[in-house]
Amino acid sequence: MTDLYDRAQALEQRQRDEALARHAAGRSVGTSLHHCEDCGDDIPEARRRAAPGCTRCIACQALAER
């Protein structure tokens, strides 16, 4: 028998899964830039391969995510 908390937790999980799916579906992956859009430094080829569609170098991306 499920109680109120189990149902609330299941609803929260379903909403989270749906939001993540919508986010992933709307994210288009294009070609990576060769130069960072923020600082203009070169983006290493290894980063461009590891993160397709990246537009920032690692340092600028870390700052943007804070």
PDB file of N, CA and C in Angstrom:
ATOM      1  N   MET A   1       0.844  -1.176   0.000  1.00  0.00           N
ATOM      2  CA  MET A   1       0.000   0.000   0.000  1.00  0.00           C
ATOM      3  C   MET A   1       0.894   1.245   0.000  1.00  0.00           C
ATOM      4  N   THR A   2       0.604   2.162  -0.905  1.00  0.00           N
ATOM      5  CA  THR A   2       1.395   3.389  -0.983  1.00  0.00           C
ATOM      6  C   THR A   2       0.754   4.466  -0.122  1.00  0.00           C
ATOM      7  N   ASP A   3       1.597   5.300   0.438  1.00  0.00           N
ATOM      8  CA  ASP A   3       1.070   6.403   1.224  1.00  0.00           C
ATOM      9  C   ASP A   3       1.290   7.713   0.477  1.00  0.00           C
ATOM     10  N   LEU A   4       0.903   8.779   1.078  1.00  0.00           N
ATOM     11  CA  LEU A   4       0.968  10.102   0.475  1.00  0.00           C
ATOM     12  C   LEU A   4       2.390  10.460   0.059  1.00  0.00           C
ATOM     13  N   TYR A   5       3.370  10.118   0.879  1.00  0.00           N
ATOM     14  CA  TYR A   5       4.757  10.457   0.582  1.00  0.00           C
ATOM     15  C   TYR A   5       5.296   9.671  -0.620  1.00  0.00           C
ATOM     16  N   ASP A   6       4.912   8.407  -0.726  1.00  0.00           N
ATOM     17  CA  ASP A   6       5.331   7.609  -1.882  1.00  0.00           C
ATOM     18  C   ASP A   6       4.769   8.181  -3.176  1.00  0.00           C
ATOM     19  N   ARG A   7       3.504   8.573  -3.150  1.00  0.00           N
ATOM     20  CA  ARG A   7       2.889   9.144  -4.356  1.00  0.00           C
ATOM     21  C   ARG A   7       3.523  10.480  -4.709  1.00  0.00           C
ATOM     22  N   ALA A   8       3.814  11.296  -3.711  1.00  0.00           N
ATOM     23  CA  ALA A   8       4.450  12.588  -3.961  1.00  0.00           C
ATOM     24  C   ALA A   8       5.846  12.388  -4.547  1.00  0.00           C
ATOM     25  N   GLN A   9       6.570  11.418  -4.025  1.00  0.00           N
ATOM     26  CA  GLN A   9       7.913  11.150  -4.530  1.00  0.00           C
ATOM     27  C   GLN A   9       7.861  10.622  -5.968  1.00  0.00           C
ATOM     28  N   ALA A  10       6.892   9.780  -6.263  1.00  0.00           N
ATOM     29  CA  ALA A  10       6.749   9.261  -7.621  1.00  0.00           C
ATOM     30  C   ALA A  10       6.394  10.385  -8.593  1.00  0.00           C
ATOM     31  N   LEU A  11       5.518  11.287  -8.177  1.00  0.00           N
ATOM     32  CA  LEU A  11       5.137  12.423  -9.014  1.00  0.00           C
ATOM     33  C   LEU A  11       6.345  13.326  -9.269  1.00  0.00           C
ATOM     34  N   GLU A  12       7.104  13.601  -8.232  1.00  0.00           N
ATOM     35  CA  GLU A  12       8.288  14.438  -8.377  1.00  0.00           C
ATOM     36  C   GLU A  12       9.289  13.803  -9.345  1.00  0.00           C
ATOM     37  N   GLN A  13       9.505  12.511  -9.235  1.00  0.00           N
ATOM     38  CA  GLN A  13      10.436  11.809 -10.129  1.00  0.00           C
ATOM     39  C   GLN A  13       9.951  11.859 -11.570  1.00  0.00           C
ATOM     40  N   ARG A  14       8.655  11.644 -11.786  1.00  0.00           N
ATOM     41  CA  ARG A  14       8.095  11.683 -13.141  1.00  0.00           C
ATOM     42  C   ARG A  14       8.260  13.079 -13.746  1.00  0.00           C
ATOM     43  N   GLN A  15       7.979  14.127 -12.951  1.00  0.00           N
ATOM     44  CA  GLN A  15       8.128  15.494 -13.452  1.00  0.00           C
ATOM     45  C   GLN A  15       9.586  15.807 -13.765  1.00  0.00           C
ATOM     46  N   ARG A  16      10.500  15.333 -12.942  1.00  0.00           N
ATOM     47  CA  ARG A  16      11.928  15.555 -13.182  1.00  0.00           C
ATOM     48  C   ARG A  16      12.361  14.860 -14.467  1.00  0.00           C
ATOM     49  N   ASP A  17      11.931  13.607 -14.642  1.00  0.00           N
ATOM     50  CA  ASP A  17      12.279  12.861 -15.854  1.00  0.00           C
ATOM     51  C   ASP A  17      11.740  13.541 -17.106  1.00  0.00           C
ATOM     52  N   GLU A  18      10.509  14.030 -17.039  1.00  0.00           N
ATOM     53  CA  GLU A  18       9.921  14.714 -18.187  1.00  0.00           C
ATOM     54  C   GLU A  18      10.662  16.014 -18.496  1.00  0.00           C
ATOM     55  N   ALA A  19      11.044  16.761 -17.465  1.00  0.00           N
ATOM     56  CA  ALA A  19      11.773  18.016 -17.677  1.00  0.00           C
ATOM     57  C   ALA A  19      13.138  17.745 -18.299  1.00  0.00           C
ATOM     58  N   LEU A  20      13.822  16.725 -17.830  1.00  0.00           N
ATOM     59  CA  LEU A  20      15.120  16.373 -18.403  1.00  0.00           C
ATOM     60  C   LEU A  20      14.980  15.923 -19.856  1.00  0.00           C
ATOM     61  N   ALA A  21      13.933  15.182 -20.153  1.00  0.00           N
ATOM     62  CA  ALA A  21      13.712  14.737 -21.530  1.00  0.00           C
ATOM     63  C   ALA A  21      13.424  15.925 -22.446  1.00  0.00           C
ATOM     64  N   ARG A  22      12.617  16.882 -21.969  1.00  0.00           N
ATOM     65  CA  ARG A  22      12.337  18.084 -22.767  1.00  0.00           C
ATOM     66  C   ARG A  22      13.610  18.879 -23.001  1.00  0.00           C
ATOM     67  N   HIS A  23      14.430  18.993 -21.986  1.00  0.00           N
ATOM     68  CA  HIS A  23      15.682  19.738 -22.114  1.00  0.00           C
ATOM     69  C   HIS A  23      16.605  19.069 -23.129  1.00  0.00           C
ATOM     70  N   ALA A  24      16.727  17.766 -23.054  1.00  0.00           N
ATOM     71  CA  ALA A  24      17.608  17.038 -23.966  1.00  0.00           C
ATOM     72  C   ALA A  24      17.090  17.116 -25.406  1.00  0.00           C
ATOM     73  N   ALA A  25      15.780  17.080 -25.584  1.00  0.00           N
ATOM     74  CA  ALA A  25      15.205  17.119 -26.923  1.00  0.00           C
ATOM     75  C   ALA A  25      15.398  18.495 -27.567  1.00  0.00           C
ATOM     76  N   GLY A  26      15.385  19.549 -26.774  1.00  0.00           N
ATOM     77  CA  GLY A  26      15.509  20.896 -27.312  1.00  0.00           C
ATOM     78  C   GLY A  26      16.942  21.357 -27.499  1.00  0.00           C
ATOM     79  N   ARG A  27      17.863  20.548 -27.086  1.00  0.00           N
ATOM     80  CA  ARG A  27      19.283  20.923 -27.162  1.00  0.00           C
ATOM     81  C   ARG A  27      19.858  20.460 -28.483  1.00  0.00           C
ATOM     82  N   SER A  28      20.196  21.405 -29.311  1.00  0.00           N
ATOM     83  CA  SER A  28      20.784  21.048 -30.594  1.00  0.00           C
ATOM     84  C   SER A  28      22.302  21.079 -30.469  1.00  0.00           C
ATOM     85  N   VAL A  29      22.920  20.076 -31.015  1.00  0.00           N
ATOM     86  CA  VAL A  29      24.376  19.996 -30.965  1.00  0.00           C
ATOM     87  C   VAL A  29      24.907  20.340 -32.341  1.00  0.00           C
ATOM     88  N   GLY A  30      25.531  21.478 -32.435  1.00  0.00           N
ATOM     89  CA  GLY A  30      26.113  21.908 -33.698  1.00  0.00           C
ATOM     90  C   GLY A  30      27.606  21.643 -33.690  1.00  0.00           C
ATOM     91  N   THR A  31      28.292  22.318 -34.558  1.00  0.00           N
ATOM     92  CA  THR A  31      29.738  22.160 -34.600  1.00  0.00           C
ATOM     93  C   THR A  31      30.364  23.044 -33.532  1.00  0.00           C
ATOM     94  N   SER A  32      31.452  22.580 -32.993  1.00  0.00           N
ATOM     95  CA  SER A  32      32.174  23.336 -31.969  1.00  0.00           C
ATOM     96  C   SER A  32      32.901  24.511 -32.599  1.00  0.00           C
ATOM     97  N   LEU A  33      33.054  25.562 -31.829  1.00  0.00           N
ATOM     98  CA  LEU A  33      33.842  26.696 -32.280  1.00  0.00           C
ATOM     99  C   LEU A  33      35.325  26.393 -32.101  1.00  0.00           C
ATOM    100  N   HIS A  34      36.160  27.045 -32.868  1.00  0.00           N
ATOM    101  CA  HIS A  34      37.604  26.874 -32.729  1.00  0.00           C
ATOM    102  C   HIS A  34      38.181  27.874 -31.742  1.00  0.00           C
ATOM    103  N   HIS A  35      37.432  28.961 -31.490  1.00  0.00           N
ATOM    104  CA  HIS A  35      37.872  29.983 -30.546  1.00  0.00           C
ATOM    105  C   HIS A  35      36.736  30.252 -29.561  1.00  0.00           C
ATOM    106  N   CYS A  36      37.097  30.455 -28.307  1.00  0.00           N
ATOM    107  CA  CYS A  36      36.129  30.694 -27.241  1.00  0.00           C
ATOM    108  C   CYS A  36      35.331  31.967 -27.525  1.00  0.00           C
ATOM    109  N   GLU A  37      34.018  31.885 -27.363  1.00  0.00           N
ATOM    110  CA  GLU A  37      33.170  33.047 -27.619  1.00  0.00           C
ATOM    111  C   GLU A  37      33.325  34.121 -26.547  1.00  0.00           C
ATOM    112  N   ASP A  38      33.881  33.766 -25.387  1.00  0.00           N
ATOM    113  CA  ASP A  38      34.054  34.744 -24.316  1.00  0.00           C
ATOM    114  C   ASP A  38      35.425  35.400 -24.346  1.00  0.00           C
ATOM    115  N   CYS A  39      36.488  34.592 -24.357  1.00  0.00           N
ATOM    116  CA  CYS A  39      37.840  35.163 -24.242  1.00  0.00           C
ATOM    117  C   CYS A  39      38.607  35.168 -25.556  1.00  0.00           C
ATOM    118  N   GLY A  40      38.163  34.397 -26.550  1.00  0.00           N
ATOM    119  CA  GLY A  40      38.818  34.369 -27.848  1.00  0.00           C
ATOM    120  C   GLY A  40      39.986  33.411 -27.953  1.00  0.00           C
ATOM    121  N   ASP A  41      40.339  32.726 -26.861  1.00  0.00           N
ATOM    122  CA  ASP A  41      41.430  31.750 -26.911  1.00  0.00           C
ATOM    123  C   ASP A  41      41.022  30.530 -27.736  1.00  0.00           C
ATOM    124  N   ASP A  42      42.022  29.804 -28.213  1.00  0.00           N
ATOM    125  CA  ASP A  42      41.754  28.570 -28.951  1.00  0.00           C
ATOM    126  C   ASP A  42      41.084  27.539 -28.043  1.00  0.00           C
ATOM    127  N   ILE A  43      40.137  26.799 -28.595  1.00  0.00           N
ATOM    128  CA  ILE A  43      39.532  25.670 -27.896  1.00  0.00           C
ATOM    129  C   ILE A  43      40.268  24.428 -28.389  1.00  0.00           C
ATOM    130  N   PRO A  44      40.927  23.689 -27.499  1.00  0.00           N
ATOM    131  CA  PRO A  44      41.688  22.519 -27.926  1.00  0.00           C
ATOM    132  C   PRO A  44      40.818  21.489 -28.649  1.00  0.00           C
ATOM    133  N   GLU A  45      41.421  20.808 -29.615  1.00  0.00           N
ATOM    134  CA  GLU A  45      40.685  19.814 -30.388  1.00  0.00           C
ATOM    135  C   GLU A  45      40.100  18.721 -29.501  1.00  0.00           C
ATOM    136  N   ALA A  46      40.836  18.335 -28.460  1.00  0.00           N
ATOM    137  CA  ALA A  46      40.339  17.292 -27.554  1.00  0.00           C
ATOM    138  C   ALA A  46      39.025  17.729 -26.895  1.00  0.00           C
ATOM    139  N   ARG A  47      38.925  18.999 -26.532  1.00  0.00           N
ATOM    140  CA  ARG A  47      37.670  19.498 -25.935  1.00  0.00           C
ATOM    141  C   ARG A  47      36.558  19.512 -26.972  1.00  0.00           C
ATOM    142  N   ARG A  48      36.874  19.920 -28.179  1.00  0.00           N
ATOM    143  CA  ARG A  48      35.848  19.958 -29.236  1.00  0.00           C
ATOM    144  C   ARG A  48      35.310  18.558 -29.520  1.00  0.00           C
ATOM    145  N   ARG A  49      36.162  17.546 -29.435  1.00  0.00           N
ATOM    146  CA  ARG A  49      35.705  16.160 -29.653  1.00  0.00           C
ATOM    147  C   ARG A  49      34.915  15.649 -28.454  1.00  0.00           C
ATOM    148  N   ALA A  50      35.367  16.005 -27.251  1.00  0.00           N
ATOM    149  CA  ALA A  50      34.714  15.516 -26.035  1.00  0.00           C
ATOM    150  C   ALA A  50      33.360  16.181 -25.786  1.00  0.00           C
ATOM    151  N   ALA A  51      33.228  17.439 -26.191  1.00  0.00           N
ATOM    152  CA  ALA A  51      31.987  18.188 -25.965  1.00  0.00           C
ATOM    153  C   ALA A  51      31.528  18.813 -27.271  1.00  0.00           C
ATOM    154  N   PRO A  52      30.922  18.016 -28.153  1.00  0.00           N
ATOM    155  CA  PRO A  52      30.472  18.561 -29.440  1.00  0.00           C
ATOM    156  C   PRO A  52      29.531  19.749 -29.238  1.00  0.00           C
ATOM    157  N   GLY A  53      29.756  20.775 -30.016  1.00  0.00           N
ATOM    158  CA  GLY A  53      28.920  21.969 -29.925  1.00  0.00           C
ATOM    159  C   GLY A  53      29.408  22.971 -28.898  1.00  0.00           C
ATOM    160  N   CYS A  54      30.579  22.730 -28.303  1.00  0.00           N
ATOM    161  CA  CYS A  54      31.064  23.661 -27.277  1.00  0.00           C
ATOM    162  C   CYS A  54      31.407  25.007 -27.920  1.00  0.00           C
ATOM    163  N   THR A  55      31.191  26.055 -27.150  1.00  0.00           N
ATOM    164  CA  THR A  55      31.455  27.409 -27.633  1.00  0.00           C
ATOM    165  C   THR A  55      32.408  28.161 -26.720  1.00  0.00           C
ATOM    166  N   ARG A  56      32.812  27.539 -25.614  1.00  0.00           N
ATOM    167  CA  ARG A  56      33.712  28.174 -24.659  1.00  0.00           C
ATOM    168  C   ARG A  56      34.870  27.251 -24.325  1.00  0.00           C
ATOM    169  N   CYS A  57      36.003  27.852 -23.949  1.00  0.00           N
ATOM    170  CA  CYS A  57      37.116  27.060 -23.430  1.00  0.00           C
ATOM    171  C   CYS A  57      36.712  26.541 -22.050  1.00  0.00           C
ATOM    172  N   ILE A  58      37.501  25.645 -21.511  1.00  0.00           N
ATOM    173  CA  ILE A  58      37.153  25.038 -20.228  1.00  0.00           C
ATOM    174  C   ILE A  58      37.063  26.080 -19.116  1.00  0.00           C
ATOM    175  N   ALA A  59      38.003  27.008 -19.078  1.00  0.00           N
ATOM    176  CA  ALA A  59      38.005  28.015 -18.007  1.00  0.00           C
ATOM    177  C   ALA A  59      36.754  28.893 -18.072  1.00  0.00           C
ATOM    178  N   CYS A  60      36.402  29.361 -19.260  1.00  0.00           N
ATOM    179  CA  CYS A  60      35.214  30.220 -19.392  1.00  0.00           C
ATOM    180  C   CYS A  60      33.929  29.434 -19.131  1.00  0.00           C
ATOM    181  N   GLN A  61      33.891  28.166 -19.531  1.00  0.00           N
ATOM    182  CA  GLN A  61      32.722  27.346 -19.271  1.00  0.00           C
ATOM    183  C   GLN A  61      32.532  27.149 -17.771  1.00  0.00           C
ATOM    184  N   ALA A  62      33.637  26.924 -17.060  1.00  0.00           N
ATOM    185  CA  ALA A  62      33.562  26.762 -15.602  1.00  0.00           C
ATOM    186  C   ALA A  62      33.021  28.030 -14.954  1.00  0.00           C
ATOM    187  N   LEU A  63      33.471  29.197 -15.417  1.00  0.00           N
ATOM    188  CA  LEU A  63      32.958  30.459 -14.878  1.00  0.00           C
ATOM    189  C   LEU A  63      31.470  30.634 -15.185  1.00  0.00           C
ATOM    190  N   ALA A  64      31.065  30.258 -16.381  1.00  0.00           N
ATOM    191  CA  ALA A  64      29.668  30.410 -16.789  1.00  0.00           C
ATOM    192  C   ALA A  64      28.733  29.503 -15.960  1.00  0.00           C
ATOM    193  N   GLU A  65      29.256  28.361 -15.534  1.00  0.00           N
ATOM    194  CA  GLU A  65      28.420  27.421 -14.778  1.00  0.00           C
ATOM    195  C   GLU A  65      28.314  27.767 -13.310  1.00  0.00           C
ATOM    196  N   ARG A  66      29.109  28.701 -12.833  1.00  0.00           N
ATOM    197  CA  ARG A  66      29.024  29.091 -11.411  1.00  0.00           C
ATOM    198  C   ARG A  66      27.880  29.984 -11.156  1.00  0.00           C
TER     199      ARG A  66
END
